[in-house]
Amino acid sequence: MYVTLEGIDTAGKSTQIAQLKRVFKDAVFTFEPGATPLGSSIREILLKSEIKSPKAEMLLFLADRAEHFASVIAPNLDRLLISDRSLISGIAYARDFDFKILESYNAFVMDNTLPNKVIFLELDRETLEFRLSKKGKDKIEQRGIAYLLELQARLKQVMERLNIESLVLDAKLPQDSITKKIVDFIKS
C-alpha cells in the first residue's frame, strides 16, 4: 500500500514520519523531492537556485518524481510504502498550470499510479506563524504566510480532485494523538 503524508512546511510531516518508523518497522519510507541521487541534485537546484521559468521548475519536480517512481515507488508497491509528499504536492505547487495538464504529466511519470491513502496535516494561520518564527526559512517559506496558506488550500483541492482516500488532521493536535489517528487510518 502506497501512503503519503501531505501538508505545508512546518505541518509536522517529518515528525510523524519519525513516529511511524517506530510503528511500521518493515515499511519503506521515502520522500519527495530528493530521495534518489538524481533527486538530491534536483532538490538542491529547486531550493537554492533562482529559477525564472515556472515551466522549468515544474519539469524539475517531474524529473525527480519520474526517477523516484522508477527507483523507489514501483519496486515497493507490494509493501507498505510511506512517503513524505507525492504528486499531490507537485500539482499543488505548480499553480500556474492547468490541473488537467498537471494530472496528465504526473500520470505519465508515475505510470498512472496514485497513492492508496493520503494523510493531510492542516495548519491554521496562528500555528503556522508561530512555527515559522522558530526556524530559518527556505526558499519556499520565504514566499510568506499568505502563499503557504494558499498552497495548503491547493493541496486539499488536489486531494479532492484526485479522489484518493484521505484523512485530514489538525496539525496542532498533540503529536501522539496525530500518530494514533494516522496508524489507525493506515491499518483500516
N, C-alpha and C. Protein backbone atom coordinates (compact mmCIF):
# COMPACT_ATOMS: atom_id res chain seq x y z
N MET A 1 0.84 -1.18 0.00
CA MET A 1 0.00 0.00 0.00
C MET A 1 0.89 1.24 0.00
N TYR A 2 0.56 2.18 -0.86
CA TYR A 2 1.30 3.43 -1.03
C TYR A 2 0.54 4.53 -0.29
N VAL A 3 1.16 5.06 0.76
CA VAL A 3 0.57 6.08 1.62
C VAL A 3 1.44 7.32 1.56
N THR A 4 0.82 8.48 1.52
CA THR A 4 1.60 9.72 1.52
C THR A 4 1.11 10.67 2.60
N LEU A 5 2.05 11.39 3.19
CA LEU A 5 1.74 12.46 4.13
C LEU A 5 1.92 13.77 3.37
N GLU A 6 0.92 14.63 3.49
CA GLU A 6 0.94 15.90 2.80
C GLU A 6 0.66 17.03 3.79
N GLY A 7 1.12 18.20 3.44
CA GLY A 7 0.91 19.39 4.26
C GLY A 7 1.99 20.39 3.94
N ILE A 8 1.76 21.63 4.30
CA ILE A 8 2.75 22.67 4.05
C ILE A 8 3.91 22.51 5.03
N ASP A 9 4.98 23.24 4.77
CA ASP A 9 6.15 23.21 5.65
C ASP A 9 5.74 23.56 7.08
N THR A 10 6.32 22.89 8.03
CA THR A 10 6.10 23.01 9.48
C THR A 10 4.80 22.34 9.95
N ALA A 11 4.10 21.63 9.08
CA ALA A 11 2.85 20.97 9.50
C ALA A 11 3.13 19.75 10.39
N GLY A 12 4.35 19.22 10.34
CA GLY A 12 4.68 18.08 11.18
C GLY A 12 4.84 16.77 10.45
N LYS A 13 4.99 16.82 9.14
CA LYS A 13 5.16 15.59 8.36
C LYS A 13 6.40 14.81 8.80
N SER A 14 7.51 15.49 8.93
CA SER A 14 8.76 14.82 9.32
C SER A 14 8.65 14.21 10.71
N THR A 15 8.01 14.91 11.61
CA THR A 15 7.81 14.40 12.97
C THR A 15 6.97 13.12 12.93
N GLN A 16 5.91 13.15 12.14
CA GLN A 16 5.05 11.97 12.05
C GLN A 16 5.74 10.81 11.34
N ILE A 17 6.53 11.10 10.32
CA ILE A 17 7.30 10.04 9.66
C ILE A 17 8.21 9.36 10.68
N ALA A 18 8.88 10.13 11.51
CA ALA A 18 9.76 9.56 12.55
C ALA A 18 8.96 8.66 13.49
N GLN A 19 7.77 9.09 13.86
CA GLN A 19 6.91 8.28 14.74
C GLN A 19 6.47 6.99 14.02
N LEU A 20 6.10 7.11 12.77
CA LEU A 20 5.62 5.95 12.01
C LEU A 20 6.73 4.92 11.78
N LYS A 21 7.97 5.38 11.71
CA LYS A 21 9.09 4.44 11.55
C LYS A 21 9.19 3.51 12.75
N ARG A 22 8.78 3.98 13.91
CA ARG A 22 8.80 3.14 15.12
C ARG A 22 7.66 2.12 15.10
N VAL A 23 6.55 2.48 14.48
CA VAL A 23 5.37 1.61 14.45
C VAL A 23 5.46 0.60 13.31
N PHE A 24 5.80 1.08 12.13
CA PHE A 24 5.83 0.23 10.93
C PHE A 24 7.29 -0.05 10.56
N LYS A 25 7.92 -0.92 11.33
CA LYS A 25 9.36 -1.18 11.18
C LYS A 25 9.73 -1.80 9.83
N ASP A 26 8.80 -2.51 9.20
CA ASP A 26 9.09 -3.15 7.91
C ASP A 26 8.67 -2.32 6.70
N ALA A 27 8.14 -1.15 6.96
CA ALA A 27 7.68 -0.30 5.85
C ALA A 27 8.88 0.34 5.15
N VAL A 28 8.65 0.75 3.92
CA VAL A 28 9.64 1.53 3.16
C VAL A 28 9.23 2.99 3.32
N PHE A 29 10.17 3.82 3.75
CA PHE A 29 9.92 5.25 3.92
C PHE A 29 10.71 6.02 2.88
N THR A 30 10.06 7.04 2.33
CA THR A 30 10.69 7.83 1.29
C THR A 30 10.16 9.26 1.35
N PHE A 31 10.62 10.10 0.45
CA PHE A 31 10.19 11.50 0.43
C PHE A 31 10.39 12.08 -0.96
N GLU A 32 9.71 13.20 -1.20
CA GLU A 32 9.86 13.97 -2.43
C GLU A 32 10.03 15.43 -2.07
N PRO A 33 10.80 16.17 -2.82
CA PRO A 33 11.78 15.72 -3.81
C PRO A 33 13.09 15.36 -3.13
N GLY A 34 13.89 14.52 -3.80
CA GLY A 34 15.26 14.29 -3.38
C GLY A 34 15.61 12.93 -2.81
N ALA A 35 14.76 11.94 -2.94
CA ALA A 35 15.03 10.64 -2.31
C ALA A 35 16.03 9.77 -3.09
N THR A 36 16.33 10.14 -4.31
CA THR A 36 17.28 9.38 -5.12
C THR A 36 18.52 10.25 -5.34
N PRO A 37 19.63 9.67 -5.81
CA PRO A 37 20.81 10.51 -6.10
C PRO A 37 20.49 11.65 -7.09
N LEU A 38 19.78 11.34 -8.16
CA LEU A 38 19.38 12.38 -9.10
C LEU A 38 18.45 13.38 -8.41
N GLY A 39 17.50 12.86 -7.65
CA GLY A 39 16.56 13.71 -6.94
C GLY A 39 17.23 14.65 -5.97
N SER A 40 18.28 14.19 -5.32
CA SER A 40 19.02 15.04 -4.39
C SER A 40 19.61 16.25 -5.11
N SER A 41 20.15 16.02 -6.28
CA SER A 41 20.69 17.13 -7.08
C SER A 41 19.58 18.08 -7.52
N ILE A 42 18.46 17.52 -7.93
CA ILE A 42 17.33 18.35 -8.36
C ILE A 42 16.80 19.17 -7.19
N ARG A 43 16.71 18.55 -6.01
CA ARG A 43 16.23 19.26 -4.81
C ARG A 43 17.11 20.47 -4.51
N GLU A 44 18.42 20.30 -4.62
CA GLU A 44 19.35 21.41 -4.38
C GLU A 44 19.08 22.56 -5.36
N ILE A 45 18.87 22.21 -6.61
CA ILE A 45 18.56 23.23 -7.61
C ILE A 45 17.26 23.94 -7.25
N LEU A 46 16.23 23.17 -6.91
CA LEU A 46 14.93 23.75 -6.61
C LEU A 46 14.97 24.68 -5.40
N LEU A 47 15.72 24.29 -4.37
CA LEU A 47 15.72 25.07 -3.14
C LEU A 47 16.69 26.25 -3.16
N LYS A 48 17.74 26.17 -3.97
CA LYS A 48 18.78 27.19 -3.88
C LYS A 48 18.97 28.04 -5.12
N SER A 49 18.42 27.63 -6.24
CA SER A 49 18.63 28.38 -7.48
C SER A 49 17.51 29.38 -7.71
N GLU A 50 17.84 30.41 -8.44
CA GLU A 50 16.86 31.39 -8.87
C GLU A 50 16.30 30.90 -10.20
N ILE A 51 15.17 30.23 -10.14
CA ILE A 51 14.56 29.68 -11.35
C ILE A 51 13.51 30.68 -11.84
N LYS A 52 13.72 31.22 -13.01
CA LYS A 52 12.83 32.25 -13.54
C LYS A 52 11.59 31.66 -14.21
N SER A 53 11.72 30.47 -14.77
CA SER A 53 10.63 29.87 -15.53
C SER A 53 9.82 28.89 -14.67
N PRO A 54 8.52 29.17 -14.48
CA PRO A 54 7.67 28.21 -13.76
C PRO A 54 7.64 26.85 -14.47
N LYS A 55 7.78 26.86 -15.81
CA LYS A 55 7.80 25.60 -16.55
C LYS A 55 9.05 24.79 -16.20
N ALA A 56 10.18 25.45 -16.10
CA ALA A 56 11.42 24.76 -15.74
C ALA A 56 11.30 24.16 -14.34
N GLU A 57 10.75 24.94 -13.41
CA GLU A 57 10.59 24.44 -12.04
C GLU A 57 9.68 23.21 -12.01
N MET A 58 8.55 23.29 -12.70
CA MET A 58 7.62 22.16 -12.75
C MET A 58 8.26 20.93 -13.37
N LEU A 59 9.02 21.13 -14.45
CA LEU A 59 9.67 20.00 -15.12
C LEU A 59 10.76 19.37 -14.25
N LEU A 60 11.44 20.17 -13.44
CA LEU A 60 12.41 19.61 -12.49
C LEU A 60 11.72 18.72 -11.46
N PHE A 61 10.60 19.19 -10.93
CA PHE A 61 9.83 18.35 -10.00
C PHE A 61 9.38 17.06 -10.67
N LEU A 62 8.95 17.16 -11.92
CA LEU A 62 8.51 15.96 -12.65
C LEU A 62 9.67 15.00 -12.90
N ALA A 63 10.84 15.53 -13.20
CA ALA A 63 12.02 14.67 -13.40
C ALA A 63 12.35 13.92 -12.11
N ASP A 64 12.31 14.64 -10.99
CA ASP A 64 12.54 13.98 -9.70
C ASP A 64 11.49 12.89 -9.47
N ARG A 65 10.23 13.21 -9.72
CA ARG A 65 9.14 12.25 -9.48
C ARG A 65 9.28 11.02 -10.38
N ALA A 66 9.67 11.20 -11.62
CA ALA A 66 9.85 10.06 -12.52
C ALA A 66 10.95 9.13 -12.02
N GLU A 67 12.07 9.71 -11.60
CA GLU A 67 13.18 8.91 -11.08
C GLU A 67 12.78 8.23 -9.76
N HIS A 68 12.09 8.96 -8.92
CA HIS A 68 11.63 8.43 -7.64
C HIS A 68 10.66 7.27 -7.84
N PHE A 69 9.76 7.43 -8.79
CA PHE A 69 8.81 6.36 -9.08
C PHE A 69 9.54 5.10 -9.55
N ALA A 70 10.45 5.27 -10.51
CA ALA A 70 11.16 4.12 -11.07
C ALA A 70 12.07 3.45 -10.04
N SER A 71 12.70 4.25 -9.18
CA SER A 71 13.71 3.71 -8.26
C SER A 71 13.15 3.24 -6.92
N VAL A 72 12.10 3.91 -6.44
CA VAL A 72 11.63 3.64 -5.08
C VAL A 72 10.18 3.14 -5.04
N ILE A 73 9.28 3.87 -5.68
CA ILE A 73 7.86 3.54 -5.53
C ILE A 73 7.49 2.25 -6.25
N ALA A 74 7.72 2.18 -7.55
CA ALA A 74 7.32 0.99 -8.32
C ALA A 74 7.89 -0.31 -7.75
N PRO A 75 9.17 -0.36 -7.36
CA PRO A 75 9.70 -1.63 -6.83
C PRO A 75 9.12 -2.03 -5.47
N ASN A 76 8.41 -1.11 -4.81
CA ASN A 76 7.93 -1.39 -3.46
C ASN A 76 6.41 -1.30 -3.31
N LEU A 77 5.68 -1.35 -4.40
CA LEU A 77 4.23 -1.24 -4.32
C LEU A 77 3.58 -2.45 -3.64
N ASP A 78 4.32 -3.53 -3.49
CA ASP A 78 3.78 -4.72 -2.81
C ASP A 78 4.01 -4.66 -1.30
N ARG A 79 4.61 -3.57 -0.82
CA ARG A 79 4.89 -3.38 0.61
C ARG A 79 4.16 -2.13 1.09
N LEU A 80 4.22 -1.91 2.42
CA LEU A 80 3.75 -0.64 2.94
C LEU A 80 4.82 0.40 2.62
N LEU A 81 4.46 1.38 1.84
CA LEU A 81 5.36 2.44 1.39
C LEU A 81 4.77 3.76 1.88
N ILE A 82 5.53 4.49 2.70
CA ILE A 82 5.06 5.75 3.27
C ILE A 82 5.98 6.87 2.78
N SER A 83 5.37 7.86 2.14
CA SER A 83 6.15 8.94 1.53
C SER A 83 5.79 10.29 2.15
N ASP A 84 6.82 11.08 2.41
CA ASP A 84 6.67 12.47 2.80
C ASP A 84 6.56 13.25 1.49
N ARG A 85 5.35 13.58 1.11
CA ARG A 85 4.96 14.26 -0.12
C ARG A 85 4.82 13.29 -1.30
N SER A 86 4.14 13.79 -2.34
CA SER A 86 3.87 12.97 -3.52
C SER A 86 3.46 13.90 -4.67
N LEU A 87 2.87 13.31 -5.69
CA LEU A 87 2.38 14.11 -6.82
C LEU A 87 1.35 15.13 -6.38
N ILE A 88 0.69 14.92 -5.25
CA ILE A 88 -0.28 15.89 -4.74
C ILE A 88 0.42 17.23 -4.51
N SER A 89 1.56 17.19 -3.85
CA SER A 89 2.34 18.42 -3.65
C SER A 89 2.81 18.98 -4.99
N GLY A 90 3.27 18.09 -5.86
CA GLY A 90 3.76 18.54 -7.16
C GLY A 90 2.72 19.31 -7.94
N ILE A 91 1.49 18.82 -7.93
CA ILE A 91 0.42 19.50 -8.65
C ILE A 91 0.06 20.81 -7.94
N ALA A 92 -0.01 20.78 -6.62
CA ALA A 92 -0.39 21.98 -5.86
C ALA A 92 0.65 23.10 -6.02
N TYR A 93 1.92 22.75 -6.00
CA TYR A 93 2.97 23.76 -6.13
C TYR A 93 2.99 24.39 -7.52
N ALA A 94 2.58 23.65 -8.52
CA ALA A 94 2.61 24.14 -9.90
C ALA A 94 1.33 24.91 -10.22
N ARG A 95 1.06 25.93 -9.45
CA ARG A 95 -0.22 26.65 -9.51
C ARG A 95 -0.45 27.40 -10.80
N ASP A 96 0.60 27.64 -11.58
CA ASP A 96 0.45 28.42 -12.81
C ASP A 96 -0.07 27.60 -13.99
N PHE A 97 -0.34 26.31 -13.77
CA PHE A 97 -0.69 25.43 -14.88
C PHE A 97 -2.06 24.80 -14.67
N ASP A 98 -2.68 24.45 -15.76
CA ASP A 98 -3.99 23.81 -15.75
C ASP A 98 -3.92 22.45 -15.06
N PHE A 99 -4.92 22.17 -14.22
CA PHE A 99 -4.94 20.92 -13.47
C PHE A 99 -4.87 19.70 -14.40
N LYS A 100 -5.60 19.73 -15.48
CA LYS A 100 -5.63 18.58 -16.40
C LYS A 100 -4.25 18.30 -17.00
N ILE A 101 -3.52 19.34 -17.33
CA ILE A 101 -2.16 19.17 -17.85
C ILE A 101 -1.27 18.55 -16.78
N LEU A 102 -1.34 19.10 -15.57
CA LEU A 102 -0.52 18.56 -14.47
C LEU A 102 -0.89 17.12 -14.15
N GLU A 103 -2.17 16.83 -14.15
CA GLU A 103 -2.62 15.46 -13.89
C GLU A 103 -2.07 14.52 -14.96
N SER A 104 -2.09 14.96 -16.21
CA SER A 104 -1.59 14.15 -17.31
C SER A 104 -0.09 13.91 -17.20
N TYR A 105 0.68 14.96 -16.95
CA TYR A 105 2.13 14.81 -16.81
C TYR A 105 2.49 13.89 -15.66
N ASN A 106 1.79 14.05 -14.53
CA ASN A 106 2.08 13.21 -13.37
C ASN A 106 1.66 11.76 -13.61
N ALA A 107 0.55 11.55 -14.30
CA ALA A 107 0.15 10.19 -14.65
C ALA A 107 1.22 9.54 -15.53
N PHE A 108 1.78 10.32 -16.44
CA PHE A 108 2.84 9.82 -17.32
C PHE A 108 4.06 9.38 -16.51
N VAL A 109 4.58 10.24 -15.63
CA VAL A 109 5.80 9.90 -14.91
C VAL A 109 5.58 8.84 -13.84
N MET A 110 4.32 8.65 -13.42
CA MET A 110 4.00 7.68 -12.36
C MET A 110 3.30 6.43 -12.92
N ASP A 111 3.34 6.24 -14.21
CA ASP A 111 2.66 5.09 -14.82
C ASP A 111 1.23 4.92 -14.31
N ASN A 112 0.52 6.04 -14.21
CA ASN A 112 -0.87 6.07 -13.75
C ASN A 112 -1.08 5.53 -12.33
N THR A 113 -0.06 5.60 -11.51
CA THR A 113 -0.15 5.13 -10.13
C THR A 113 -0.41 6.31 -9.19
N LEU A 114 -1.42 6.17 -8.35
CA LEU A 114 -1.73 7.16 -7.32
C LEU A 114 -1.51 6.54 -5.95
N PRO A 115 -1.28 7.36 -4.93
CA PRO A 115 -1.25 6.81 -3.58
C PRO A 115 -2.59 6.15 -3.24
N ASN A 116 -2.56 5.12 -2.41
CA ASN A 116 -3.79 4.48 -1.96
C ASN A 116 -4.48 5.31 -0.88
N LYS A 117 -3.67 5.96 -0.04
CA LYS A 117 -4.21 6.77 1.05
C LYS A 117 -3.35 8.02 1.23
N VAL A 118 -4.02 9.11 1.66
CA VAL A 118 -3.34 10.37 1.92
C VAL A 118 -3.68 10.83 3.33
N ILE A 119 -2.65 11.21 4.07
CA ILE A 119 -2.83 11.85 5.37
C ILE A 119 -2.44 13.31 5.17
N PHE A 120 -3.36 14.22 5.50
CA PHE A 120 -3.12 15.65 5.30
C PHE A 120 -3.08 16.35 6.65
N LEU A 121 -1.95 16.96 6.96
CA LEU A 121 -1.79 17.72 8.20
C LEU A 121 -2.05 19.19 7.89
N GLU A 122 -3.08 19.74 8.52
CA GLU A 122 -3.54 21.08 8.20
C GLU A 122 -3.21 22.05 9.34
N LEU A 123 -2.68 23.20 8.98
CA LEU A 123 -2.31 24.23 9.95
C LEU A 123 -3.22 25.45 9.86
N ASP A 124 -3.50 26.05 11.02
CA ASP A 124 -4.16 27.35 10.99
C ASP A 124 -3.09 28.44 10.93
N ARG A 125 -3.50 29.65 10.62
CA ARG A 125 -2.57 30.77 10.44
C ARG A 125 -1.69 30.99 11.67
N GLU A 126 -2.29 31.02 12.87
CA GLU A 126 -1.54 31.31 14.09
C GLU A 126 -0.45 30.26 14.34
N THR A 127 -0.79 28.99 14.18
CA THR A 127 0.19 27.93 14.40
C THR A 127 1.30 28.00 13.36
N LEU A 128 0.94 28.27 12.12
CA LEU A 128 1.94 28.41 11.06
C LEU A 128 2.89 29.56 11.36
N GLU A 129 2.35 30.71 11.73
CA GLU A 129 3.20 31.87 12.05
C GLU A 129 4.16 31.54 13.20
N PHE A 130 3.64 30.89 14.24
CA PHE A 130 4.46 30.54 15.39
C PHE A 130 5.58 29.59 14.99
N ARG A 131 5.25 28.53 14.25
CA ARG A 131 6.26 27.54 13.86
C ARG A 131 7.32 28.14 12.94
N LEU A 132 6.90 28.99 12.02
CA LEU A 132 7.87 29.61 11.13
C LEU A 132 8.80 30.57 11.88
N SER A 133 8.30 31.19 12.93
CA SER A 133 9.13 32.13 13.70
C SER A 133 10.25 31.42 14.46
N LYS A 134 10.15 30.12 14.61
CA LYS A 134 11.12 29.34 15.38
C LYS A 134 12.21 28.71 14.52
N LYS A 135 12.24 29.01 13.22
CA LYS A 135 13.23 28.37 12.34
C LYS A 135 13.67 29.30 11.23
N GLY A 136 14.77 28.94 10.59
CA GLY A 136 15.20 29.64 9.39
C GLY A 136 14.29 29.24 8.24
N LYS A 137 14.06 30.13 7.32
CA LYS A 137 13.12 29.87 6.23
C LYS A 137 13.86 29.50 4.95
N ASP A 138 13.38 28.43 4.29
CA ASP A 138 13.93 28.07 2.99
C ASP A 138 13.26 28.92 1.90
N LYS A 139 13.61 28.65 0.66
CA LYS A 139 13.13 29.44 -0.48
C LYS A 139 11.60 29.47 -0.55
N ILE A 140 10.97 28.34 -0.28
CA ILE A 140 9.50 28.26 -0.33
C ILE A 140 8.89 29.04 0.82
N GLU A 141 9.41 28.85 2.03
CA GLU A 141 8.86 29.52 3.21
C GLU A 141 9.04 31.03 3.14
N GLN A 142 10.05 31.49 2.41
CA GLN A 142 10.28 32.92 2.26
C GLN A 142 9.20 33.60 1.42
N ARG A 143 8.39 32.81 0.75
CA ARG A 143 7.30 33.39 -0.04
C ARG A 143 6.18 33.94 0.85
N GLY A 144 6.19 33.58 2.13
CA GLY A 144 5.28 34.19 3.09
C GLY A 144 4.10 33.34 3.52
N ILE A 145 3.44 33.81 4.57
CA ILE A 145 2.31 33.12 5.18
C ILE A 145 1.15 32.98 4.20
N ALA A 146 0.80 34.07 3.51
CA ALA A 146 -0.32 34.02 2.57
C ALA A 146 -0.08 32.98 1.49
N TYR A 147 1.14 32.94 0.97
CA TYR A 147 1.48 31.93 -0.05
C TYR A 147 1.30 30.52 0.51
N LEU A 148 1.81 30.27 1.71
CA LEU A 148 1.73 28.94 2.30
C LEU A 148 0.29 28.52 2.57
N LEU A 149 -0.54 29.46 3.01
CA LEU A 149 -1.95 29.13 3.25
C LEU A 149 -2.69 28.87 1.93
N GLU A 150 -2.35 29.62 0.88
CA GLU A 150 -2.92 29.35 -0.45
C GLU A 150 -2.48 27.96 -0.93
N LEU A 151 -1.22 27.64 -0.71
CA LEU A 151 -0.70 26.33 -1.08
C LEU A 151 -1.45 25.23 -0.33
N GLN A 152 -1.68 25.44 0.95
CA GLN A 152 -2.43 24.46 1.74
C GLN A 152 -3.82 24.22 1.15
N ALA A 153 -4.49 25.29 0.76
CA ALA A 153 -5.81 25.16 0.14
C ALA A 153 -5.72 24.38 -1.17
N ARG A 154 -4.68 24.65 -1.95
CA ARG A 154 -4.49 23.92 -3.22
C ARG A 154 -4.21 22.44 -2.96
N LEU A 155 -3.43 22.13 -1.94
CA LEU A 155 -3.17 20.72 -1.60
C LEU A 155 -4.49 19.99 -1.35
N LYS A 156 -5.36 20.61 -0.58
CA LYS A 156 -6.66 19.99 -0.30
C LYS A 156 -7.49 19.82 -1.58
N GLN A 157 -7.45 20.83 -2.45
CA GLN A 157 -8.20 20.75 -3.71
C GLN A 157 -7.69 19.60 -4.57
N VAL A 158 -6.38 19.45 -4.64
CA VAL A 158 -5.80 18.37 -5.45
C VAL A 158 -6.21 17.01 -4.88
N MET A 159 -6.14 16.86 -3.57
CA MET A 159 -6.57 15.59 -2.94
C MET A 159 -8.01 15.26 -3.32
N GLU A 160 -8.87 16.26 -3.24
CA GLU A 160 -10.28 16.05 -3.56
C GLU A 160 -10.47 15.71 -5.03
N ARG A 161 -9.76 16.42 -5.91
CA ARG A 161 -9.93 16.17 -7.35
C ARG A 161 -9.41 14.81 -7.77
N LEU A 162 -8.35 14.34 -7.11
CA LEU A 162 -7.81 13.01 -7.44
C LEU A 162 -8.61 11.89 -6.78
N ASN A 163 -9.48 12.27 -5.84
CA ASN A 163 -10.39 11.32 -5.21
C ASN A 163 -9.66 10.14 -4.55
N ILE A 164 -8.63 10.47 -3.77
CA ILE A 164 -7.87 9.46 -3.04
C ILE A 164 -8.40 9.42 -1.61
N GLU A 165 -8.53 8.22 -1.07
CA GLU A 165 -8.98 8.09 0.32
C GLU A 165 -8.05 8.91 1.21
N SER A 166 -8.63 9.80 2.03
CA SER A 166 -7.79 10.72 2.79
C SER A 166 -8.27 10.91 4.21
N LEU A 167 -7.32 11.34 5.04
CA LEU A 167 -7.56 11.69 6.43
C LEU A 167 -6.97 13.08 6.64
N VAL A 168 -7.81 14.04 7.03
CA VAL A 168 -7.37 15.40 7.29
C VAL A 168 -7.29 15.59 8.79
N LEU A 169 -6.12 16.02 9.27
CA LEU A 169 -5.89 16.18 10.71
C LEU A 169 -5.44 17.60 11.03
N ASP A 170 -5.88 18.08 12.17
CA ASP A 170 -5.44 19.38 12.69
C ASP A 170 -4.01 19.21 13.18
N ALA A 171 -3.07 19.90 12.55
CA ALA A 171 -1.65 19.71 12.84
C ALA A 171 -1.23 20.27 14.20
N LYS A 172 -2.11 20.98 14.88
CA LYS A 172 -1.73 21.48 16.20
C LYS A 172 -2.15 20.53 17.32
N LEU A 173 -2.80 19.41 16.98
CA LEU A 173 -3.13 18.39 17.98
C LEU A 173 -1.83 17.84 18.56
N PRO A 174 -1.88 17.24 19.75
CA PRO A 174 -0.67 16.62 20.30
C PRO A 174 -0.11 15.56 19.33
N GLN A 175 1.22 15.49 19.25
CA GLN A 175 1.89 14.58 18.31
C GLN A 175 1.41 13.14 18.44
N ASP A 176 1.30 12.65 19.68
CA ASP A 176 0.90 11.26 19.88
C ASP A 176 -0.53 11.00 19.41
N SER A 177 -1.39 11.99 19.58
CA SER A 177 -2.77 11.87 19.11
C SER A 177 -2.81 11.78 17.59
N ILE A 178 -2.02 12.62 16.94
CA ILE A 178 -1.95 12.59 15.47
C ILE A 178 -1.42 11.23 15.02
N THR A 179 -0.36 10.75 15.66
CA THR A 179 0.23 9.47 15.27
C THR A 179 -0.79 8.34 15.39
N LYS A 180 -1.54 8.31 16.49
CA LYS A 180 -2.53 7.25 16.68
C LYS A 180 -3.58 7.29 15.57
N LYS A 181 -4.05 8.48 15.23
CA LYS A 181 -5.06 8.60 14.16
C LYS A 181 -4.48 8.12 12.82
N ILE A 182 -3.23 8.46 12.56
CA ILE A 182 -2.59 8.03 11.31
C ILE A 182 -2.44 6.52 11.27
N VAL A 183 -1.96 5.94 12.36
CA VAL A 183 -1.76 4.48 12.42
C VAL A 183 -3.10 3.77 12.21
N ASP A 184 -4.14 4.24 12.88
CA ASP A 184 -5.48 3.63 12.72
C ASP A 184 -5.95 3.73 11.28
N PHE A 185 -5.70 4.88 10.64
CA PHE A 185 -6.12 5.08 9.25
C PHE A 185 -5.35 4.14 8.32
N ILE A 186 -4.07 4.02 8.51
CA ILE A 186 -3.27 3.13 7.66
C ILE A 186 -3.71 1.68 7.83
N LYS A 187 -3.99 1.28 9.06
CA LYS A 187 -4.39 -0.11 9.32
C LYS A 187 -5.82 -0.42 8.89
N SER A 188 -6.65 0.61 8.72
CA SER A 188 -8.06 0.36 8.40
C SER A 188 -8.24 -0.14 6.98
